[in-house]
Amino acid sequence: MNNTEWPLWEVFIRSRQGLNHKHVGSLHAADQDMAIENARDVYTRRQEGVSIWVVESKHIVASDPAQGDSLFEPAANKIYRHPTFYQLPDAIKHM
């Protein structure tokens, strides 16, 4: 790796109101410490974040969109997971 070619990092921030981390963008940094500091400076300027995750992009693995049908097909066979079999009480609203 050339000194001018720092690895790409994906940045995830958890906001004060949220319970989960959300992907907010990417940045280049020499190491994980620099990535966290740069992410703080770039993506939490208004102090809205309470937690930062950085992951080097080369470590992220994704499913192939072309194989989506075969990947998610088994879930269609599990009809017991669908809420159509359950009777909800009238007191429960907005479901």
PDB file of N, CA and C in Angstrom:
ATOM      1  N   MET A   1       0.845  -1.172   0.000  1.00  0.00           N
ATOM      2  CA  MET A   1       0.000   0.000   0.000  1.00  0.00           C
ATOM      3  C   MET A   1       0.892   1.237   0.000  1.00  0.00           C
ATOM      4  N   ASN A   2       0.651   2.102  -0.922  1.00  0.00           N
ATOM      5  CA  ASN A   2       1.346   3.364  -1.048  1.00  0.00           C
ATOM      6  C   ASN A   2       0.915   4.297   0.080  1.00  0.00           C
ATOM      7  N   ASN A   3       1.799   5.164   0.564  1.00  0.00           N
ATOM      8  CA  ASN A   3       1.462   6.093   1.647  1.00  0.00           C
ATOM      9  C   ASN A   3       0.308   7.011   1.306  1.00  0.00           C
ATOM     10  N   THR A   4       0.066   7.246   0.031  1.00  0.00           N
ATOM     11  CA  THR A   4      -1.027   8.136  -0.367  1.00  0.00           C
ATOM     12  C   THR A   4      -2.340   7.387  -0.549  1.00  0.00           C
ATOM     13  N   GLU A   5      -2.336   6.073  -0.378  1.00  0.00           N
ATOM     14  CA  GLU A   5      -3.537   5.263  -0.582  1.00  0.00           C
ATOM     15  C   GLU A   5      -3.998   4.648   0.739  1.00  0.00           C
ATOM     16  N   TRP A   6      -4.653   5.431   1.548  1.00  0.00           N
ATOM     17  CA  TRP A   6      -5.186   4.913   2.810  1.00  0.00           C
ATOM     18  C   TRP A   6      -6.421   4.078   2.545  1.00  0.00           C
ATOM     19  N   PRO A   7      -6.686   3.079   3.374  1.00  0.00           N
ATOM     20  CA  PRO A   7      -7.862   2.233   3.155  1.00  0.00           C
ATOM     21  C   PRO A   7      -9.169   3.009   3.354  1.00  0.00           C
ATOM     22  N   LEU A   8     -10.208   2.506   2.745  1.00  0.00           N
ATOM     23  CA  LEU A   8     -11.540   3.089   2.851  1.00  0.00           C
ATOM     24  C   LEU A   8     -12.254   2.463   4.041  1.00  0.00           C
ATOM     25  N   TRP A   9     -12.890   3.302   4.859  1.00  0.00           N
ATOM     26  CA  TRP A   9     -13.620   2.866   6.051  1.00  0.00           C
ATOM     27  C   TRP A   9     -15.078   3.271   5.905  1.00  0.00           C
ATOM     28  N   GLU A  10     -15.983   2.389   6.316  1.00  0.00           N
ATOM     29  CA  GLU A  10     -17.414   2.693   6.358  1.00  0.00           C
ATOM     30  C   GLU A  10     -17.741   3.156   7.774  1.00  0.00           C
ATOM     31  N   VAL A  11     -18.573   4.184   7.881  1.00  0.00           N
ATOM     32  CA  VAL A  11     -18.860   4.803   9.175  1.00  0.00           C
ATOM     33  C   VAL A  11     -20.324   4.587   9.545  1.00  0.00           C
ATOM     34  N   PHE A  12     -20.555   4.158  10.780  1.00  0.00           N
ATOM     35  CA  PHE A  12     -21.889   3.944  11.328  1.00  0.00           C
ATOM     36  C   PHE A  12     -22.004   4.760  12.611  1.00  0.00           C
ATOM     37  N   ILE A  13     -23.105   5.516  12.742  1.00  0.00           N
ATOM     38  CA  ILE A  13     -23.318   6.381  13.907  1.00  0.00           C
ATOM     39  C   ILE A  13     -24.625   5.988  14.587  1.00  0.00           C
ATOM     40  N   ARG A  14     -24.606   5.970  15.917  1.00  0.00           N
ATOM     41  CA  ARG A  14     -25.854   5.814  16.677  1.00  0.00           C
ATOM     42  C   ARG A  14     -26.198   7.173  17.250  1.00  0.00           C
ATOM     43  N   SER A  15     -27.382   7.663  16.928  1.00  0.00           N
ATOM     44  CA  SER A  15     -27.806   8.976  17.391  1.00  0.00           C
ATOM     45  C   SER A  15     -28.356   8.890  18.807  1.00  0.00           C
ATOM     46  N   ARG A  16     -28.529  10.021  19.419  1.00  0.00           N
ATOM     47  CA  ARG A  16     -29.065  10.071  20.785  1.00  0.00           C
ATOM     48  C   ARG A  16     -30.475   9.488  20.853  1.00  0.00           C
ATOM     49  N   GLN A  17     -31.255   9.663  19.806  1.00  0.00           N
ATOM     50  CA  GLN A  17     -32.631   9.172  19.799  1.00  0.00           C
ATOM     51  C   GLN A  17     -32.743   7.733  19.313  1.00  0.00           C
ATOM     52  N   GLY A  18     -31.699   7.196  18.715  1.00  0.00           N
ATOM     53  CA  GLY A  18     -31.794   5.874  18.115  1.00  0.00           C
ATOM     54  C   GLY A  18     -31.220   4.767  18.969  1.00  0.00           C
ATOM     55  N   LEU A  19     -31.632   3.546  18.649  1.00  0.00           N
ATOM     56  CA  LEU A  19     -31.104   2.371  19.334  1.00  0.00           C
ATOM     57  C   LEU A  19     -30.146   1.584  18.457  1.00  0.00           C
ATOM     58  N   ASN A  20     -30.086   1.948  17.182  1.00  0.00           N
ATOM     59  CA  ASN A  20     -29.231   1.199  16.267  1.00  0.00           C
ATOM     60  C   ASN A  20     -28.266   2.143  15.550  1.00  0.00           C
ATOM     61  N   HIS A  21     -27.189   1.597  15.064  1.00  0.00           N
ATOM     62  CA  HIS A  21     -26.221   2.354  14.287  1.00  0.00           C
ATOM     63  C   HIS A  21     -26.696   2.409  12.839  1.00  0.00           C
ATOM     64  N   LYS A  22     -26.487   3.547  12.191  1.00  0.00           N
ATOM     65  CA  LYS A  22     -26.868   3.714  10.788  1.00  0.00           C
ATOM     66  C   LYS A  22     -25.647   4.122   9.982  1.00  0.00           C
ATOM     67  N   HIS A  23     -25.577   3.580   8.773  1.00  0.00           N
ATOM     68  CA  HIS A  23     -24.469   3.931   7.889  1.00  0.00           C
ATOM     69  C   HIS A  23     -24.638   5.379   7.455  1.00  0.00           C
ATOM     70  N   VAL A  24     -23.584   6.179   7.659  1.00  0.00           N
ATOM     71  CA  VAL A  24     -23.666   7.598   7.316  1.00  0.00           C
ATOM     72  C   VAL A  24     -22.704   7.991   6.209  1.00  0.00           C
ATOM     73  N   GLY A  25     -21.736   7.145   5.905  1.00  0.00           N
ATOM     74  CA  GLY A  25     -20.815   7.484   4.828  1.00  0.00           C
ATOM     75  C   GLY A  25     -19.510   6.725   4.934  1.00  0.00           C
ATOM     76  N   SER A  26     -18.542   7.195   4.160  1.00  0.00           N
ATOM     77  CA  SER A  26     -17.239   6.540   4.076  1.00  0.00           C
ATOM     78  C   SER A  26     -16.139   7.591   4.195  1.00  0.00           C
ATOM     79  N   LEU A  27     -14.950   7.133   4.552  1.00  0.00           N
ATOM     80  CA  LEU A  27     -13.791   8.024   4.577  1.00  0.00           C
ATOM     81  C   LEU A  27     -12.522   7.207   4.471  1.00  0.00           C
ATOM     82  N   HIS A  28     -11.442   7.873   4.120  1.00  0.00           N
ATOM     83  CA  HIS A  28     -10.137   7.229   4.057  1.00  0.00           C
ATOM     84  C   HIS A  28      -9.362   7.591   5.311  1.00  0.00           C
ATOM     85  N   ALA A  29      -8.668   6.615   5.901  1.00  0.00           N
ATOM     86  CA  ALA A  29      -7.851   6.847   7.087  1.00  0.00           C
ATOM     87  C   ALA A  29      -6.745   5.804   7.142  1.00  0.00           C
ATOM     88  N   ALA A  30      -5.655   6.158   7.817  1.00  0.00           N
ATOM     89  CA  ALA A  30      -4.501   5.264   7.896  1.00  0.00           C
ATOM     90  C   ALA A  30      -4.752   4.066   8.802  1.00  0.00           C
ATOM     91  N   ASP A  31      -5.532   4.273   9.891  1.00  0.00           N
ATOM     92  CA  ASP A  31      -5.805   3.185  10.823  1.00  0.00           C
ATOM     93  C   ASP A  31      -7.156   3.425  11.498  1.00  0.00           C
ATOM     94  N   GLN A  32      -7.555   2.500  12.382  1.00  0.00           N
ATOM     95  CA  GLN A  32      -8.875   2.579  13.002  1.00  0.00           C
ATOM     96  C   GLN A  32      -9.021   3.782  13.916  1.00  0.00           C
ATOM     97  N   ASP A  33      -7.955   4.158  14.604  1.00  0.00           N
ATOM     98  CA  ASP A  33      -8.040   5.323  15.489  1.00  0.00           C
ATOM     99  C   ASP A  33      -8.264   6.610  14.691  1.00  0.00           C
ATOM    100  N   MET A  34      -7.534   6.742  13.599  1.00  0.00           N
ATOM    101  CA  MET A  34      -7.716   7.912  12.747  1.00  0.00           C
ATOM    102  C   MET A  34      -9.104   7.893  12.111  1.00  0.00           C
ATOM    103  N   ALA A  35      -9.594   6.726  11.765  1.00  0.00           N
ATOM    104  CA  ALA A  35     -10.925   6.615  11.163  1.00  0.00           C
ATOM    105  C   ALA A  35     -12.003   7.077  12.139  1.00  0.00           C
ATOM    106  N   ILE A  36     -11.894   6.690  13.403  1.00  0.00           N
ATOM    107  CA  ILE A  36     -12.881   7.115  14.400  1.00  0.00           C
ATOM    108  C   ILE A  36     -12.802   8.626  14.626  1.00  0.00           C
ATOM    109  N   GLU A  37     -11.601   9.164  14.738  1.00  0.00           N
ATOM    110  CA  GLU A  37     -11.457  10.603  14.935  1.00  0.00           C
ATOM    111  C   GLU A  37     -11.994  11.391  13.747  1.00  0.00           C
ATOM    112  N   ASN A  38     -11.665  10.938  12.535  1.00  0.00           N
ATOM    113  CA  ASN A  38     -12.165  11.623  11.342  1.00  0.00           C
ATOM    114  C   ASN A  38     -13.682  11.491  11.224  1.00  0.00           C
ATOM    115  N   ALA A  39     -14.209  10.333  11.575  1.00  0.00           N
ATOM    116  CA  ALA A  39     -15.664  10.134  11.531  1.00  0.00           C
ATOM    117  C   ALA A  39     -16.354  11.065  12.512  1.00  0.00           C
ATOM    118  N   ARG A  40     -15.775  11.206  13.696  1.00  0.00           N
ATOM    119  CA  ARG A  40     -16.342  12.133  14.682  1.00  0.00           C
ATOM    120  C   ARG A  40     -16.357  13.556  14.126  1.00  0.00           C
ATOM    121  N   ASP A  41     -15.244  13.974  13.521  1.00  0.00           N
ATOM    122  CA  ASP A  41     -15.138  15.332  13.003  1.00  0.00           C
ATOM    123  C   ASP A  41     -16.068  15.585  11.814  1.00  0.00           C
ATOM    124  N   VAL A  42     -16.227  14.584  10.968  1.00  0.00           N
ATOM    125  CA  VAL A  42     -17.013  14.770   9.743  1.00  0.00           C
ATOM    126  C   VAL A  42     -18.498  14.510   9.949  1.00  0.00           C
ATOM    127  N   TYR A  43     -18.859  13.460  10.689  1.00  0.00           N
ATOM    128  CA  TYR A  43     -20.247  13.019  10.738  1.00  0.00           C
ATOM    129  C   TYR A  43     -20.993  13.353  12.035  1.00  0.00           C
ATOM    130  N   THR A  44     -20.325  13.932  13.025  1.00  0.00           N
ATOM    131  CA  THR A  44     -21.032  14.293  14.264  1.00  0.00           C
ATOM    132  C   THR A  44     -20.722  15.731  14.653  1.00  0.00           C
ATOM    133  N   ARG A  45     -20.821  16.629  13.723  1.00  0.00           N
ATOM    134  CA  ARG A  45     -20.504  18.036  13.980  1.00  0.00           C
ATOM    135  C   ARG A  45     -21.459  18.679  14.960  1.00  0.00           C
ATOM    136  N   ARG A  46     -22.685  18.227  14.998  1.00  0.00           N
ATOM    137  CA  ARG A  46     -23.700  18.839  15.857  1.00  0.00           C
ATOM    138  C   ARG A  46     -23.908  18.046  17.153  1.00  0.00           C
ATOM    139  N   GLN A  47     -22.958  17.213  17.495  1.00  0.00           N
ATOM    140  CA  GLN A  47     -22.978  16.407  18.717  1.00  0.00           C
ATOM    141  C   GLN A  47     -24.217  15.521  18.819  1.00  0.00           C
ATOM    142  N   GLU A  48     -24.700  15.040  17.671  1.00  0.00           N
ATOM    143  CA  GLU A  48     -25.885  14.179  17.690  1.00  0.00           C
ATOM    144  C   GLU A  48     -25.555  12.709  17.919  1.00  0.00           C
ATOM    145  N   GLY A  49     -24.298  12.327  17.832  1.00  0.00           N
ATOM    146  CA  GLY A  49     -23.947  10.927  17.973  1.00  0.00           C
ATOM    147  C   GLY A  49     -23.533  10.558  19.387  1.00  0.00           C
ATOM    148  N   VAL A  50     -23.786   9.299  19.740  1.00  0.00           N
ATOM    149  CA  VAL A  50     -23.342   8.781  21.037  1.00  0.00           C
ATOM    150  C   VAL A  50     -22.404   7.589  20.868  1.00  0.00           C
ATOM    151  N   SER A  51     -22.314   7.054  19.649  1.00  0.00           N
ATOM    152  CA  SER A  51     -21.444   5.912  19.393  1.00  0.00           C
ATOM    153  C   SER A  51     -21.059   5.905  17.919  1.00  0.00           C
ATOM    154  N   ILE A  52     -19.805   5.543  17.648  1.00  0.00           N
ATOM    155  CA  ILE A  52     -19.301   5.468  16.271  1.00  0.00           C
ATOM    156  C   ILE A  52     -18.706   4.090  16.050  1.00  0.00           C
ATOM    157  N   TRP A  53     -19.081   3.484  14.936  1.00  0.00           N
ATOM    158  CA  TRP A  53     -18.438   2.255  14.478  1.00  0.00           C
ATOM    159  C   TRP A  53     -17.747   2.569  13.159  1.00  0.00           C
ATOM    160  N   VAL A  54     -16.550   2.052  12.973  1.00  0.00           N
ATOM    161  CA  VAL A  54     -15.879   2.118  11.677  1.00  0.00           C
ATOM    162  C   VAL A  54     -15.462   0.699  11.294  1.00  0.00           C
ATOM    163  N   VAL A  55     -15.655   0.378  10.040  1.00  0.00           N
ATOM    164  CA  VAL A  55     -15.303  -0.948   9.528  1.00  0.00           C
ATOM    165  C   VAL A  55     -14.558  -0.745   8.223  1.00  0.00           C
ATOM    166  N   GLU A  56     -13.397  -1.349   8.124  1.00  0.00           N
ATOM    167  CA  GLU A  56     -12.664  -1.240   6.871  1.00  0.00           C
ATOM    168  C   GLU A  56     -13.491  -1.904   5.767  1.00  0.00           C
ATOM    169  N   SER A  57     -13.680  -1.194   4.694  1.00  0.00           N
ATOM    170  CA  SER A  57     -14.589  -1.637   3.627  1.00  0.00           C
ATOM    171  C   SER A  57     -14.272  -3.023   3.097  1.00  0.00           C
ATOM    172  N   LYS A  58     -13.004  -3.388   3.075  1.00  0.00           N
ATOM    173  CA  LYS A  58     -12.634  -4.697   2.516  1.00  0.00           C
ATOM    174  C   LYS A  58     -13.152  -5.855   3.368  1.00  0.00           C
ATOM    175  N   HIS A  59     -13.597  -5.580   4.597  1.00  0.00           N
ATOM    176  CA  HIS A  59     -14.098  -6.633   5.476  1.00  0.00           C
ATOM    177  C   HIS A  59     -15.617  -6.797   5.414  1.00  0.00           C
ATOM    178  N   ILE A  60     -16.276  -5.993   4.621  1.00  0.00           N
ATOM    179  CA  ILE A  60     -17.729  -6.095   4.498  1.00  0.00           C
ATOM    180  C   ILE A  60     -18.059  -7.055   3.367  1.00  0.00           C
ATOM    181  N   VAL A  61     -18.934  -7.985   3.656  1.00  0.00           N
ATOM    182  CA  VAL A  61     -19.363  -8.971   2.672  1.00  0.00           C
ATOM    183  C   VAL A  61     -20.863  -8.797   2.464  1.00  0.00           C
ATOM    184  N   ALA A  62     -21.301  -8.790   1.236  1.00  0.00           N
ATOM    185  CA  ALA A  62     -22.716  -8.599   0.933  1.00  0.00           C
ATOM    186  C   ALA A  62     -23.229  -9.738   0.062  1.00  0.00           C
ATOM    187  N   SER A  63     -24.524  -9.950   0.122  1.00  0.00           N
ATOM    188  CA  SER A  63     -25.133 -10.958  -0.753  1.00  0.00           C
ATOM    189  C   SER A  63     -25.188 -10.407  -2.172  1.00  0.00           C
ATOM    190  N   ASP A  64     -25.278 -11.312  -3.118  1.00  0.00           N
ATOM    191  CA  ASP A  64     -25.366 -10.946  -4.531  1.00  0.00           C
ATOM    192  C   ASP A  64     -26.825 -10.668  -4.871  1.00  0.00           C
ATOM    193  N   PRO A  65     -27.154  -9.443  -5.310  1.00  0.00           N
ATOM    194  CA  PRO A  65     -28.548  -9.136  -5.643  1.00  0.00           C
ATOM    195  C   PRO A  65     -29.132 -10.069  -6.706  1.00  0.00           C
ATOM    196  N   ALA A  66     -28.296 -10.594  -7.575  1.00  0.00           N
ATOM    197  CA  ALA A  66     -28.778 -11.507  -8.618  1.00  0.00           C
ATOM    198  C   ALA A  66     -29.249 -12.832  -8.032  1.00  0.00           C
ATOM    199  N   GLN A  67     -28.799 -13.183  -6.847  1.00  0.00           N
ATOM    200  CA  GLN A  67     -29.199 -14.427  -6.208  1.00  0.00           C
ATOM    201  C   GLN A  67     -30.233 -14.191  -5.110  1.00  0.00           C
ATOM    202  N   GLY A  68     -30.854 -13.023  -5.101  1.00  0.00           N
ATOM    203  CA  GLY A  68     -31.810 -12.668  -4.057  1.00  0.00           C
ATOM    204  C   GLY A  68     -32.973 -13.638  -3.941  1.00  0.00           C
ATOM    205  N   ASP A  69     -33.529 -14.056  -5.077  1.00  0.00           N
ATOM    206  CA  ASP A  69     -34.676 -14.975  -5.030  1.00  0.00           C
ATOM    207  C   ASP A  69     -34.320 -16.284  -4.343  1.00  0.00           C
ATOM    208  N   SER A  70     -33.203 -16.877  -4.714  1.00  0.00           N
ATOM    209  CA  SER A  70     -32.830 -18.164  -4.115  1.00  0.00           C
ATOM    210  C   SER A  70     -32.376 -18.000  -2.667  1.00  0.00           C
ATOM    211  N   LEU A  71     -31.798 -16.848  -2.332  1.00  0.00           N
ATOM    212  CA  LEU A  71     -31.341 -16.621  -0.971  1.00  0.00           C
ATOM    213  C   LEU A  71     -32.509 -16.478  -0.003  1.00  0.00           C
ATOM    214  N   PHE A  72     -33.547 -15.760  -0.421  1.00  0.00           N
ATOM    215  CA  PHE A  72     -34.670 -15.496   0.471  1.00  0.00           C
ATOM    216  C   PHE A  72     -35.846 -16.451   0.271  1.00  0.00           C
ATOM    217  N   GLU A  73     -35.734 -17.371  -0.644  1.00  0.00           N
ATOM    218  CA  GLU A  73     -36.780 -18.353  -0.923  1.00  0.00           C
ATOM    219  C   GLU A  73     -37.161 -19.180   0.305  1.00  0.00           C
ATOM    220  N   PRO A  74     -36.213 -19.688   1.090  1.00  0.00           N
ATOM    221  CA  PRO A  74     -36.597 -20.514   2.240  1.00  0.00           C
ATOM    222  C   PRO A  74     -37.530 -19.802   3.217  1.00  0.00           C
ATOM    223  N   ALA A  75     -37.443 -18.508   3.342  1.00  0.00           N
ATOM    224  CA  ALA A  75     -38.309 -17.770   4.262  1.00  0.00           C
ATOM    225  C   ALA A  75     -39.770 -17.833   3.828  1.00  0.00           C
ATOM    226  N   ALA A  76     -40.025 -17.946   2.538  1.00  0.00           N
ATOM    227  CA  ALA A  76     -41.397 -18.013   2.037  1.00  0.00           C
ATOM    228  C   ALA A  76     -42.079 -19.314   2.445  1.00  0.00           C
ATOM    229  N   ASN A  77     -41.317 -20.355   2.714  1.00  0.00           N
ATOM    230  CA  ASN A  77     -41.886 -21.648   3.097  1.00  0.00           C
ATOM    231  C   ASN A  77     -42.266 -21.716   4.569  1.00  0.00           C
ATOM    232  N   LYS A  78     -41.943 -20.718   5.331  1.00  0.00           N
ATOM    233  CA  LYS A  78     -42.215 -20.724   6.772  1.00  0.00           C
ATOM    234  C   LYS A  78     -43.419 -19.832   7.060  1.00  0.00           C
ATOM    235  N   ILE A  79     -44.588 -20.321   6.660  1.00  0.00           N
ATOM    236  CA  ILE A  79     -45.788 -19.496   6.790  1.00  0.00           C
ATOM    237  C   ILE A  79     -46.162 -19.235   8.235  1.00  0.00           C
ATOM    238  N   TYR A  80     -45.661 -20.063   9.147  1.00  0.00           N
ATOM    239  CA  TYR A  80     -45.961 -19.837  10.564  1.00  0.00           C
ATOM    240  C   TYR A  80     -45.340 -18.539  11.076  1.00  0.00           C
ATOM    241  N   ARG A  81     -44.429 -17.960  10.327  1.00  0.00           N
ATOM    242  CA  ARG A  81     -43.824 -16.691  10.724  1.00  0.00           C
ATOM    243  C   ARG A  81     -44.697 -15.494  10.351  1.00  0.00           C
ATOM    244  N   HIS A  82     -45.677 -15.712   9.534  1.00  0.00           N
ATOM    245  CA  HIS A  82     -46.558 -14.619   9.130  1.00  0.00           C
ATOM    246  C   HIS A  82     -47.618 -14.411  10.203  1.00  0.00           C
ATOM    247  N   PRO A  83     -47.951 -13.183  10.509  1.00  0.00           N
ATOM    248  CA  PRO A  83     -48.871 -12.911  11.622  1.00  0.00           C
ATOM    249  C   PRO A  83     -50.339 -13.211  11.315  1.00  0.00           C
ATOM    250  N   THR A  84     -50.639 -13.818  10.196  1.00  0.00           N
ATOM    251  CA  THR A  84     -52.035 -14.087   9.842  1.00  0.00           C
ATOM    252  C   THR A  84     -52.666 -15.171  10.716  1.00  0.00           C
ATOM    253  N   PHE A  85     -51.864 -15.929  11.446  1.00  0.00           N
ATOM    254  CA  PHE A  85     -52.387 -17.009  12.269  1.00  0.00           C
ATOM    255  C   PHE A  85     -52.741 -16.571  13.684  1.00  0.00           C
ATOM    256  N   TYR A  86     -52.454 -15.347  14.017  1.00  0.00           N
ATOM    257  CA  TYR A  86     -52.636 -14.883  15.380  1.00  0.00           C
ATOM    258  C   TYR A  86     -53.818 -13.926  15.491  1.00  0.00           C
ATOM    259  N   GLN A  87     -54.615 -14.130  16.494  1.00  0.00           N
ATOM    260  CA  GLN A  87     -55.727 -13.229  16.776  1.00  0.00           C
ATOM    261  C   GLN A  87     -55.260 -12.185  17.783  1.00  0.00           C
ATOM    262  N   LEU A  88     -55.352 -10.937  17.404  1.00  0.00           N
ATOM    263  CA  LEU A  88     -54.947  -9.867  18.306  1.00  0.00           C
ATOM    264  C   LEU A  88     -56.154  -9.337  19.066  1.00  0.00           C
ATOM    265  N   PRO A  89     -55.986  -9.034  20.342  1.00  0.00           N
ATOM    266  CA  PRO A  89     -57.090  -8.447  21.108  1.00  0.00           C
ATOM    267  C   PRO A  89     -57.471  -7.083  20.545  1.00  0.00           C
ATOM    268  N   ASP A  90     -58.725  -6.721  20.699  1.00  0.00           N
ATOM    269  CA  ASP A  90     -59.190  -5.428  20.198  1.00  0.00           C
ATOM    270  C   ASP A  90     -58.492  -4.256  20.857  1.00  0.00           C
ATOM    271  N   ALA A  91     -57.953  -4.459  22.053  1.00  0.00           N
ATOM    272  CA  ALA A  91     -57.279  -3.377  22.775  1.00  0.00           C
ATOM    273  C   ALA A  91     -55.966  -2.972  22.124  1.00  0.00           C
ATOM    274  N   ILE A  92     -55.399  -3.858  21.305  1.00  0.00           N
ATOM    275  CA  ILE A  92     -54.128  -3.540  20.642  1.00  0.00           C
ATOM    276  C   ILE A  92     -54.439  -2.806  19.352  1.00  0.00           C
ATOM    277  N   LYS A  93     -53.941  -1.604  19.269  1.00  0.00           N
ATOM    278  CA  LYS A  93     -54.165  -0.754  18.098  1.00  0.00           C
ATOM    279  C   LYS A  93     -52.886  -0.649  17.276  1.00  0.00           C
ATOM    280  N   HIS A  94     -53.037  -0.268  16.033  1.00  0.00           N
ATOM    281  CA  HIS A  94     -51.921   0.072  15.120  1.00  0.00           C
ATOM    282  C   HIS A  94     -50.991  -1.090  14.859  1.00  0.00           C
ATOM    283  N   MET A  95     -51.501  -2.259  14.693  1.00  0.00           N
ATOM    284  CA  MET A  95     -50.654  -3.397  14.343  1.00  0.00           C
ATOM    285  C   MET A  95     -50.894  -3.771  12.906  1.00  0.00           C
TER     286      MET A  95
END
